[in-house]
Amino acid sequence: MAHEDAANQIIKTDYGAHYLIVYPDLYALRKFYTRCIKQQIKEKNDIVLVNPFYETTDSVRKTLSDGNADMDVSKYEKEQSIIIIDSLEEYFGKKNDMDFKRDIANHAKEKGKNGLLVLGDIGAYPYKGRHNDLVDYELSLPTIYDDIAMKGFCLYHEKDFFNRFSEEDRQKLISHHGMAVKIKA
């Protein structure tokens, strides 16, 4: 699926969605998340949590500030409409990252926002050699977040997804998510 189509599909999803998204490279990922983030903040009135792995938090800010996105990232960060935290810190630096996400979603409601979009790059797990932990972590999450105004999108680089996981684990991951989407370059 083209990154524009994938982004448009994501934007239209209801809260509760938990999708798996496989991307081919950073170029396609940046196109995808730029479109998603811009529309979720400006049109859907959401808070967006971004957890990059294969790029720095500063490069995400730069991508969102430049070019077609042309977003005032520092303004959105100050008002907490966008939160950018490295995935190593998010997934390995917190005792329970779901509690953190739940707190952000509740905070969103308190601020008059509609909900939370999470774009989490899962590359930190393969990087740490914790493939089995990742499968267990994903399977511990609900297929649908039915008790929280959140959309969760697990981002997998295709080299990680196809080279570091067995076919059996890939199928477990795909079947546990509400939808699996592969973005084309």
N, C-alpha and C. Protein backbone atom coordinates (compact mmCIF):
# COMPACT_ATOMS: atom_id res chain seq x y z
N MET A 1 0.85 -1.17 0.00
CA MET A 1 0.00 0.00 0.00
C MET A 1 0.90 1.24 0.00
N ALA A 2 0.57 2.22 -0.80
CA ALA A 2 1.33 3.46 -0.83
C ALA A 2 1.22 4.18 0.51
N HIS A 3 2.26 4.92 0.87
CA HIS A 3 2.25 5.58 2.19
C HIS A 3 1.10 6.55 2.34
N GLU A 4 0.68 7.20 1.23
CA GLU A 4 -0.47 8.12 1.32
C GLU A 4 -1.74 7.36 1.64
N ASP A 5 -1.93 6.22 0.98
CA ASP A 5 -3.13 5.41 1.23
C ASP A 5 -3.12 4.85 2.65
N ALA A 6 -1.96 4.40 3.09
CA ALA A 6 -1.85 3.86 4.45
C ALA A 6 -2.16 4.96 5.47
N ALA A 7 -1.59 6.14 5.26
CA ALA A 7 -1.84 7.26 6.18
C ALA A 7 -3.32 7.63 6.19
N ASN A 8 -3.94 7.70 5.03
CA ASN A 8 -5.36 8.04 4.97
C ASN A 8 -6.21 6.99 5.69
N GLN A 9 -5.85 5.73 5.54
CA GLN A 9 -6.58 4.66 6.21
C GLN A 9 -6.43 4.77 7.73
N ILE A 10 -5.23 5.07 8.18
CA ILE A 10 -4.96 5.21 9.61
C ILE A 10 -5.76 6.37 10.19
N ILE A 11 -5.78 7.46 9.48
CA ILE A 11 -6.47 8.65 9.96
C ILE A 11 -7.96 8.38 10.15
N LYS A 12 -8.52 7.53 9.31
CA LYS A 12 -9.96 7.23 9.38
C LYS A 12 -10.32 6.19 10.43
N THR A 13 -9.33 5.53 11.02
CA THR A 13 -9.63 4.47 11.97
C THR A 13 -10.25 5.03 13.24
N ASP A 14 -11.03 4.19 13.88
CA ASP A 14 -11.65 4.56 15.14
C ASP A 14 -10.67 4.34 16.28
N TYR A 15 -10.93 4.99 17.39
CA TYR A 15 -10.14 4.74 18.59
C TYR A 15 -10.31 3.28 18.97
N GLY A 16 -9.28 2.74 19.52
CA GLY A 16 -9.27 1.34 19.87
C GLY A 16 -8.42 0.51 18.93
N ALA A 17 -8.12 1.05 17.75
CA ALA A 17 -7.35 0.31 16.75
C ALA A 17 -5.94 -0.01 17.26
N HIS A 18 -5.50 -1.22 16.94
CA HIS A 18 -4.13 -1.66 17.25
C HIS A 18 -3.63 -2.36 15.99
N TYR A 19 -2.85 -1.63 15.18
CA TYR A 19 -2.41 -2.13 13.88
C TYR A 19 -0.92 -2.36 13.86
N LEU A 20 -0.51 -3.22 12.96
CA LEU A 20 0.89 -3.49 12.68
C LEU A 20 1.19 -2.88 11.32
N ILE A 21 2.24 -2.08 11.24
CA ILE A 21 2.61 -1.43 9.99
C ILE A 21 4.06 -1.75 9.69
N VAL A 22 4.30 -2.32 8.51
CA VAL A 22 5.64 -2.67 8.06
C VAL A 22 6.04 -1.64 7.01
N TYR A 23 7.22 -1.02 7.23
CA TYR A 23 7.69 0.00 6.29
C TYR A 23 9.03 -0.43 5.69
N PRO A 24 9.30 -0.03 4.42
CA PRO A 24 10.52 -0.48 3.74
C PRO A 24 11.77 0.31 4.06
N ASP A 25 11.62 1.59 4.35
CA ASP A 25 12.77 2.46 4.58
C ASP A 25 12.32 3.73 5.28
N LEU A 26 13.29 4.52 5.71
CA LEU A 26 12.96 5.76 6.44
C LEU A 26 12.22 6.77 5.57
N TYR A 27 12.52 6.80 4.30
CA TYR A 27 11.83 7.74 3.40
C TYR A 27 10.33 7.48 3.43
N ALA A 28 9.93 6.23 3.24
CA ALA A 28 8.51 5.88 3.24
C ALA A 28 7.90 6.10 4.62
N LEU A 29 8.64 5.75 5.67
CA LEU A 29 8.14 5.95 7.03
C LEU A 29 7.89 7.43 7.29
N ARG A 30 8.84 8.27 6.91
CA ARG A 30 8.68 9.72 7.14
C ARG A 30 7.47 10.28 6.40
N LYS A 31 7.29 9.86 5.17
CA LYS A 31 6.11 10.31 4.40
C LYS A 31 4.82 9.89 5.12
N PHE A 32 4.83 8.65 5.59
CA PHE A 32 3.67 8.11 6.28
C PHE A 32 3.38 8.87 7.57
N TYR A 33 4.39 8.97 8.45
CA TYR A 33 4.09 9.56 9.76
C TYR A 33 3.85 11.06 9.67
N THR A 34 4.49 11.73 8.71
CA THR A 34 4.26 13.17 8.55
C THR A 34 2.79 13.43 8.25
N ARG A 35 2.26 12.69 7.31
CA ARG A 35 0.85 12.87 6.94
C ARG A 35 -0.06 12.52 8.12
N CYS A 36 0.22 11.40 8.78
CA CYS A 36 -0.62 10.98 9.92
C CYS A 36 -0.61 12.01 11.04
N ILE A 37 0.57 12.41 11.43
CA ILE A 37 0.70 13.32 12.57
C ILE A 37 0.03 14.65 12.29
N LYS A 38 0.30 15.19 11.14
CA LYS A 38 -0.28 16.50 10.79
C LYS A 38 -1.81 16.44 10.83
N GLN A 39 -2.37 15.42 10.23
CA GLN A 39 -3.83 15.34 10.19
C GLN A 39 -4.43 14.98 11.55
N GLN A 40 -3.79 14.12 12.30
CA GLN A 40 -4.33 13.75 13.61
C GLN A 40 -4.35 14.95 14.55
N ILE A 41 -3.32 15.78 14.48
CA ILE A 41 -3.28 16.94 15.36
C ILE A 41 -4.23 18.03 14.87
N LYS A 42 -4.16 18.35 13.59
CA LYS A 42 -4.92 19.49 13.08
C LYS A 42 -6.39 19.17 12.79
N GLU A 43 -6.67 17.98 12.27
CA GLU A 43 -8.04 17.66 11.89
C GLU A 43 -8.79 16.83 12.93
N LYS A 44 -8.08 15.96 13.62
CA LYS A 44 -8.72 15.06 14.58
C LYS A 44 -8.60 15.53 16.02
N ASN A 45 -7.80 16.59 16.25
CA ASN A 45 -7.62 17.14 17.59
C ASN A 45 -7.13 16.09 18.58
N ASP A 46 -6.12 15.34 18.15
CA ASP A 46 -5.53 14.30 18.98
C ASP A 46 -4.17 14.73 19.51
N ILE A 47 -3.73 14.04 20.55
CA ILE A 47 -2.33 14.08 20.97
C ILE A 47 -1.65 12.92 20.25
N VAL A 48 -0.42 13.14 19.80
CA VAL A 48 0.33 12.10 19.10
C VAL A 48 1.61 11.81 19.89
N LEU A 49 1.82 10.53 20.19
CA LEU A 49 3.04 10.05 20.81
C LEU A 49 3.83 9.33 19.74
N VAL A 50 5.06 9.79 19.50
CA VAL A 50 5.93 9.19 18.49
C VAL A 50 7.14 8.59 19.19
N ASN A 51 7.41 7.32 18.91
CA ASN A 51 8.56 6.63 19.47
C ASN A 51 9.45 6.13 18.33
N PRO A 52 10.37 6.97 17.86
CA PRO A 52 11.25 6.56 16.76
C PRO A 52 12.37 5.64 17.24
N PHE A 53 12.85 4.81 16.32
CA PHE A 53 14.02 4.01 16.63
C PHE A 53 15.13 4.21 15.61
N TYR A 54 14.83 4.08 14.32
CA TYR A 54 15.86 4.17 13.29
C TYR A 54 16.20 5.61 12.91
N GLU A 55 15.68 6.55 13.65
CA GLU A 55 16.07 7.95 13.53
C GLU A 55 15.97 8.58 14.90
N THR A 56 16.60 9.72 15.05
CA THR A 56 16.61 10.38 16.35
C THR A 56 15.33 11.18 16.56
N THR A 57 15.10 11.54 17.80
CA THR A 57 13.95 12.40 18.08
C THR A 57 14.11 13.75 17.38
N ASP A 58 15.34 14.25 17.31
CA ASP A 58 15.58 15.52 16.61
C ASP A 58 15.31 15.41 15.11
N SER A 59 15.63 14.27 14.51
CA SER A 59 15.35 14.13 13.07
C SER A 59 13.85 14.04 12.81
N VAL A 60 13.09 13.48 13.75
CA VAL A 60 11.63 13.48 13.62
C VAL A 60 11.12 14.92 13.68
N ARG A 61 11.63 15.69 14.63
CA ARG A 61 11.24 17.11 14.73
C ARG A 61 11.55 17.85 13.43
N LYS A 62 12.73 17.62 12.89
CA LYS A 62 13.14 18.29 11.65
C LYS A 62 12.24 17.88 10.48
N THR A 63 11.95 16.59 10.38
CA THR A 63 11.07 16.10 9.31
C THR A 63 9.70 16.75 9.40
N LEU A 64 9.17 16.86 10.61
CA LEU A 64 7.85 17.46 10.78
C LEU A 64 7.86 18.98 10.56
N SER A 65 9.00 19.61 10.78
CA SER A 65 9.11 21.07 10.62
C SER A 65 9.33 21.48 9.17
N ASP A 66 10.00 20.63 8.41
CA ASP A 66 10.40 20.97 7.04
C ASP A 66 9.37 20.50 6.02
N GLY A 67 9.59 20.95 4.79
CA GLY A 67 8.86 20.42 3.63
C GLY A 67 7.37 20.53 3.72
N ASN A 68 6.70 19.47 3.28
CA ASN A 68 5.24 19.46 3.19
C ASN A 68 4.55 19.55 4.55
N ALA A 69 5.20 19.05 5.58
CA ALA A 69 4.57 19.07 6.90
C ALA A 69 4.46 20.49 7.42
N ASP A 70 5.58 21.23 7.39
CA ASP A 70 5.61 22.62 7.81
C ASP A 70 4.86 22.85 9.12
N MET A 71 5.16 22.02 10.12
CA MET A 71 4.50 22.12 11.41
C MET A 71 5.39 22.88 12.39
N ASP A 72 4.77 23.61 13.28
CA ASP A 72 5.48 24.28 14.36
C ASP A 72 5.62 23.27 15.51
N VAL A 73 6.62 22.40 15.39
CA VAL A 73 6.78 21.28 16.33
C VAL A 73 7.00 21.78 17.75
N SER A 74 7.80 22.81 17.93
CA SER A 74 8.05 23.29 19.30
C SER A 74 6.75 23.78 19.94
N LYS A 75 5.89 24.42 19.18
CA LYS A 75 4.59 24.87 19.70
C LYS A 75 3.75 23.66 20.11
N TYR A 76 3.68 22.65 19.24
CA TYR A 76 2.90 21.46 19.54
C TYR A 76 3.47 20.67 20.72
N GLU A 77 4.79 20.68 20.85
CA GLU A 77 5.39 20.00 22.00
C GLU A 77 5.08 20.77 23.29
N LYS A 78 5.14 22.09 23.25
CA LYS A 78 4.83 22.89 24.44
C LYS A 78 3.41 22.69 24.91
N GLU A 79 2.49 22.60 23.96
CA GLU A 79 1.08 22.38 24.33
C GLU A 79 0.76 20.90 24.50
N GLN A 80 1.77 20.06 24.35
CA GLN A 80 1.67 18.61 24.51
C GLN A 80 0.70 17.96 23.53
N SER A 81 0.63 18.51 22.32
CA SER A 81 -0.13 17.87 21.25
C SER A 81 0.71 16.80 20.57
N ILE A 82 2.02 16.95 20.66
CA ILE A 82 2.93 15.94 20.16
C ILE A 82 3.99 15.67 21.22
N ILE A 83 4.24 14.39 21.43
CA ILE A 83 5.25 13.95 22.39
C ILE A 83 6.17 13.00 21.63
N ILE A 84 7.46 13.30 21.63
CA ILE A 84 8.43 12.49 20.89
C ILE A 84 9.43 11.92 21.89
N ILE A 85 9.43 10.59 22.03
CA ILE A 85 10.31 9.90 22.97
C ILE A 85 10.96 8.73 22.23
N ASP A 86 12.27 8.63 22.31
CA ASP A 86 12.99 7.52 21.68
C ASP A 86 12.42 6.19 22.14
N SER A 87 12.30 5.24 21.22
CA SER A 87 11.66 3.96 21.56
C SER A 87 12.46 3.15 22.57
N LEU A 88 13.79 3.30 22.60
CA LEU A 88 14.56 2.60 23.63
C LEU A 88 14.14 3.06 25.01
N GLU A 89 13.94 4.36 25.16
CA GLU A 89 13.49 4.90 26.45
C GLU A 89 12.05 4.48 26.74
N GLU A 90 11.21 4.54 25.72
CA GLU A 90 9.80 4.22 25.91
C GLU A 90 9.59 2.76 26.30
N TYR A 91 10.24 1.85 25.60
CA TYR A 91 9.97 0.44 25.83
C TYR A 91 10.86 -0.21 26.88
N PHE A 92 12.02 0.38 27.14
CA PHE A 92 12.92 -0.21 28.13
C PHE A 92 13.21 0.70 29.31
N GLY A 93 12.75 1.94 29.27
CA GLY A 93 13.04 2.87 30.34
C GLY A 93 11.89 3.09 31.30
N LYS A 94 10.73 2.54 30.99
CA LYS A 94 9.56 2.71 31.84
C LYS A 94 9.13 1.35 32.39
N LYS A 95 8.59 1.36 33.59
CA LYS A 95 8.13 0.11 34.18
C LYS A 95 6.91 -0.42 33.43
N ASN A 96 6.00 0.46 33.06
CA ASN A 96 4.80 0.03 32.33
C ASN A 96 4.42 1.12 31.34
N ASP A 97 4.80 0.91 30.09
CA ASP A 97 4.53 1.95 29.10
C ASP A 97 3.04 2.05 28.78
N MET A 98 2.25 1.00 29.02
CA MET A 98 0.80 1.11 28.78
C MET A 98 0.16 2.04 29.81
N ASP A 99 0.63 2.03 31.04
CA ASP A 99 0.11 2.99 32.03
C ASP A 99 0.43 4.42 31.59
N PHE A 100 1.63 4.62 31.06
CA PHE A 100 2.04 5.93 30.56
C PHE A 100 1.11 6.37 29.43
N LYS A 101 0.84 5.48 28.50
CA LYS A 101 -0.05 5.81 27.37
C LYS A 101 -1.47 6.07 27.85
N ARG A 102 -1.92 5.29 28.79
CA ARG A 102 -3.26 5.50 29.36
C ARG A 102 -3.34 6.88 30.02
N ASP A 103 -2.28 7.27 30.74
CA ASP A 103 -2.23 8.60 31.37
C ASP A 103 -2.30 9.70 30.31
N ILE A 104 -1.57 9.53 29.21
CA ILE A 104 -1.61 10.54 28.14
C ILE A 104 -3.01 10.63 27.54
N ALA A 105 -3.64 9.48 27.29
CA ALA A 105 -4.99 9.48 26.71
C ALA A 105 -5.98 10.17 27.66
N ASN A 106 -5.86 9.91 28.95
CA ASN A 106 -6.73 10.58 29.92
C ASN A 106 -6.44 12.08 29.96
N HIS A 107 -5.16 12.43 29.88
CA HIS A 107 -4.76 13.85 29.83
C HIS A 107 -5.34 14.52 28.58
N ALA A 108 -5.35 13.79 27.48
CA ALA A 108 -5.92 14.33 26.24
C ALA A 108 -7.37 14.74 26.45
N LYS A 109 -8.14 13.88 27.08
CA LYS A 109 -9.55 14.18 27.35
C LYS A 109 -9.70 15.41 28.25
N GLU A 110 -8.85 15.49 29.27
CA GLU A 110 -8.89 16.63 30.19
C GLU A 110 -8.59 17.94 29.47
N LYS A 111 -7.74 17.88 28.43
CA LYS A 111 -7.38 19.08 27.68
C LYS A 111 -8.35 19.37 26.53
N GLY A 112 -9.42 18.61 26.42
CA GLY A 112 -10.39 18.83 25.35
C GLY A 112 -9.99 18.19 24.03
N LYS A 113 -9.01 17.31 24.07
CA LYS A 113 -8.60 16.58 22.87
C LYS A 113 -9.48 15.35 22.74
N ASN A 114 -9.49 14.77 21.55
CA ASN A 114 -10.33 13.60 21.31
C ASN A 114 -9.69 12.29 21.77
N GLY A 115 -8.36 12.21 21.69
CA GLY A 115 -7.70 10.96 22.07
C GLY A 115 -6.22 11.00 21.77
N LEU A 116 -5.65 9.80 21.67
CA LEU A 116 -4.21 9.63 21.50
C LEU A 116 -3.92 8.72 20.32
N LEU A 117 -2.96 9.14 19.50
CA LEU A 117 -2.41 8.29 18.44
C LEU A 117 -0.99 7.95 18.85
N VAL A 118 -0.65 6.66 18.87
CA VAL A 118 0.70 6.21 19.18
C VAL A 118 1.32 5.60 17.93
N LEU A 119 2.49 6.14 17.56
CA LEU A 119 3.28 5.59 16.46
C LEU A 119 4.58 5.09 17.08
N GLY A 120 4.64 3.80 17.38
CA GLY A 120 5.78 3.24 18.08
C GLY A 120 6.61 2.33 17.20
N ASP A 121 7.86 2.73 16.95
CA ASP A 121 8.77 1.88 16.17
C ASP A 121 9.31 0.81 17.10
N ILE A 122 9.10 -0.42 16.73
CA ILE A 122 9.41 -1.56 17.56
C ILE A 122 10.86 -2.03 17.38
N GLY A 123 11.65 -1.33 16.58
CA GLY A 123 13.03 -1.74 16.29
C GLY A 123 13.92 -1.87 17.51
N ALA A 124 13.53 -1.29 18.62
CA ALA A 124 14.34 -1.39 19.84
C ALA A 124 14.45 -2.83 20.32
N TYR A 125 13.39 -3.60 20.15
CA TYR A 125 13.42 -4.99 20.61
C TYR A 125 14.42 -5.84 19.84
N PRO A 126 14.37 -5.85 18.49
CA PRO A 126 15.39 -6.61 17.77
C PRO A 126 16.80 -6.09 18.05
N TYR A 127 16.94 -4.78 18.20
CA TYR A 127 18.24 -4.18 18.50
C TYR A 127 18.82 -4.75 19.79
N LYS A 128 17.97 -4.95 20.77
CA LYS A 128 18.40 -5.49 22.06
C LYS A 128 18.44 -7.02 22.06
N GLY A 129 18.13 -7.64 20.89
CA GLY A 129 18.12 -9.10 20.81
C GLY A 129 16.99 -9.72 21.60
N ARG A 130 15.87 -9.00 21.71
CA ARG A 130 14.76 -9.46 22.55
C ARG A 130 13.52 -9.76 21.70
N HIS A 131 13.71 -10.55 20.65
CA HIS A 131 12.62 -10.90 19.75
C HIS A 131 11.47 -11.59 20.49
N ASN A 132 11.83 -12.56 21.33
CA ASN A 132 10.79 -13.30 22.06
C ASN A 132 10.04 -12.39 23.02
N ASP A 133 10.76 -11.46 23.65
CA ASP A 133 10.10 -10.50 24.54
C ASP A 133 9.11 -9.64 23.77
N LEU A 134 9.48 -9.27 22.54
CA LEU A 134 8.59 -8.44 21.74
C LEU A 134 7.31 -9.19 21.42
N VAL A 135 7.41 -10.42 21.00
CA VAL A 135 6.21 -11.20 20.69
C VAL A 135 5.34 -11.31 21.94
N ASP A 136 5.96 -11.60 23.07
CA ASP A 136 5.20 -11.69 24.33
C ASP A 136 4.56 -10.34 24.69
N TYR A 137 5.32 -9.25 24.51
CA TYR A 137 4.80 -7.92 24.80
C TYR A 137 3.58 -7.61 23.92
N GLU A 138 3.73 -7.84 22.61
CA GLU A 138 2.62 -7.56 21.69
C GLU A 138 1.39 -8.40 22.05
N LEU A 139 1.61 -9.68 22.36
CA LEU A 139 0.48 -10.55 22.68
C LEU A 139 -0.15 -10.19 24.03
N SER A 140 0.58 -9.45 24.86
CA SER A 140 0.01 -9.01 26.15
C SER A 140 -0.91 -7.79 25.97
N LEU A 141 -0.77 -7.12 24.85
CA LEU A 141 -1.61 -5.95 24.57
C LEU A 141 -2.93 -6.42 23.97
N PRO A 142 -3.97 -5.64 24.17
CA PRO A 142 -5.25 -6.03 23.56
C PRO A 142 -5.21 -5.87 22.05
N THR A 143 -5.99 -6.66 21.36
CA THR A 143 -6.13 -6.51 19.91
C THR A 143 -6.87 -5.21 19.61
N ILE A 144 -7.78 -4.86 20.48
CA ILE A 144 -8.52 -3.60 20.38
C ILE A 144 -8.45 -2.92 21.74
N TYR A 145 -8.08 -1.65 21.73
CA TYR A 145 -8.07 -0.86 22.97
C TYR A 145 -9.49 -0.36 23.21
N ASP A 146 -10.31 -1.18 23.83
CA ASP A 146 -11.72 -0.81 23.96
C ASP A 146 -12.02 0.02 25.20
N ASP A 147 -11.03 0.23 26.05
CA ASP A 147 -11.27 1.00 27.27
C ASP A 147 -10.51 2.32 27.29
N ILE A 148 -10.00 2.73 26.13
CA ILE A 148 -9.17 3.93 26.09
C ILE A 148 -9.29 4.59 24.71
N ALA A 149 -9.33 5.92 24.69
CA ALA A 149 -9.41 6.66 23.42
C ALA A 149 -8.02 6.75 22.81
N MET A 150 -7.58 5.60 22.27
CA MET A 150 -6.22 5.51 21.73
C MET A 150 -6.23 4.66 20.47
N LYS A 151 -5.36 5.05 19.55
CA LYS A 151 -5.04 4.24 18.37
C LYS A 151 -3.56 3.90 18.50
N GLY A 152 -3.23 2.63 18.43
CA GLY A 152 -1.83 2.21 18.56
C GLY A 152 -1.34 1.56 17.29
N PHE A 153 -0.25 2.11 16.74
CA PHE A 153 0.31 1.58 15.50
C PHE A 153 1.76 1.18 15.73
N CYS A 154 1.98 -0.13 15.66
CA CYS A 154 3.30 -0.71 15.88
C CYS A 154 4.05 -0.72 14.56
N LEU A 155 5.15 0.01 14.50
CA LEU A 155 5.91 0.17 13.27
C LEU A 155 7.08 -0.80 13.24
N TYR A 156 7.17 -1.58 12.18
CA TYR A 156 8.25 -2.55 12.01
C TYR A 156 8.98 -2.27 10.71
N HIS A 157 10.29 -2.12 10.78
CA HIS A 157 11.08 -2.05 9.55
C HIS A 157 10.99 -3.43 8.92
N GLU A 158 10.80 -3.47 7.60
CA GLU A 158 10.58 -4.77 6.96
C GLU A 158 11.77 -5.72 7.11
N LYS A 159 12.99 -5.20 7.19
CA LYS A 159 14.14 -6.10 7.39
C LYS A 159 14.07 -6.77 8.75
N ASP A 160 13.64 -6.03 9.78
CA ASP A 160 13.46 -6.64 11.09
C ASP A 160 12.34 -7.67 11.04
N PHE A 161 11.22 -7.26 10.46
CA PHE A 161 10.03 -8.11 10.47
C PHE A 161 10.26 -9.42 9.73
N PHE A 162 10.89 -9.35 8.57
CA PHE A 162 11.04 -10.55 7.75
C PHE A 162 12.33 -11.32 8.02
N ASN A 163 13.34 -10.69 8.60
CA ASN A 163 14.61 -11.38 8.81
C ASN A 163 14.87 -11.79 10.25
N ARG A 164 14.20 -11.17 11.20
CA ARG A 164 14.51 -11.44 12.60
C ARG A 164 13.44 -12.25 13.32
N PHE A 165 12.31 -12.44 12.67
CA PHE A 165 11.22 -13.20 13.28
C PHE A 165 10.94 -14.44 12.44
N SER A 166 10.61 -15.51 13.11
CA SER A 166 10.24 -16.73 12.40
C SER A 166 8.88 -16.51 11.74
N GLU A 167 8.56 -17.35 10.79
CA GLU A 167 7.25 -17.28 10.15
C GLU A 167 6.15 -17.43 11.19
N GLU A 168 6.35 -18.32 12.14
CA GLU A 168 5.35 -18.53 13.19
C GLU A 168 5.15 -17.26 14.02
N ASP A 169 6.24 -16.59 14.40
CA ASP A 169 6.12 -15.35 15.18
C ASP A 169 5.49 -14.24 14.35
N ARG A 170 5.85 -14.15 13.08
CA ARG A 170 5.23 -13.13 12.21
C ARG A 170 3.71 -13.34 12.16
N GLN A 171 3.30 -14.58 12.02
CA GLN A 171 1.86 -14.87 11.95
C GLN A 171 1.17 -14.55 13.28
N LYS A 172 1.83 -14.83 14.39
CA LYS A 172 1.26 -14.47 15.69
C LYS A 172 1.07 -12.95 15.78
N LEU A 173 2.10 -12.21 15.36
CA LEU A 173 2.03 -10.76 15.42
C LEU A 173 0.93 -10.22 14.51
N ILE A 174 0.86 -10.73 13.30
CA ILE A 174 -0.15 -10.27 12.34
C ILE A 174 -1.55 -10.57 12.86
N SER A 175 -1.76 -11.80 13.31
CA SER A 175 -3.11 -12.18 13.74
C SER A 175 -3.55 -11.47 15.02
N HIS A 176 -2.59 -11.02 15.83
CA HIS A 176 -2.96 -10.34 17.07
C HIS A 176 -3.38 -8.89 16.85
N HIS A 177 -2.94 -8.30 15.77
CA HIS A 177 -3.29 -6.92 15.47
C HIS A 177 -4.61 -6.87 14.69
N GLY A 178 -5.33 -5.78 14.85
CA GLY A 178 -6.59 -5.63 14.14
C GLY A 178 -6.40 -5.59 12.63
N MET A 179 -5.25 -5.11 12.21
CA MET A 179 -4.92 -5.06 10.78
C MET A 179 -3.42 -4.99 10.65
N ALA A 180 -2.91 -5.54 9.56
CA ALA A 180 -1.49 -5.44 9.22
C ALA A 180 -1.40 -4.78 7.85
N VAL A 181 -0.55 -3.76 7.76
CA VAL A 181 -0.40 -2.99 6.53
C VAL A 181 1.08 -2.94 6.18
N LYS A 182 1.38 -3.18 4.92
CA LYS A 182 2.76 -3.05 4.44
C LYS A 182 2.81 -1.84 3.51
N ILE A 183 3.62 -0.86 3.91
CA ILE A 183 3.77 0.36 3.11
C ILE A 183 4.79 0.10 2.02
N LYS A 184 4.49 0.56 0.82
CA LYS A 184 5.43 0.44 -0.30
C LYS A 184 6.36 1.64 -0.32
N ALA A 185 7.52 1.42 -0.92
CA ALA A 185 8.51 2.50 -1.04
C ALA A 185 8.00 3.59 -1.96
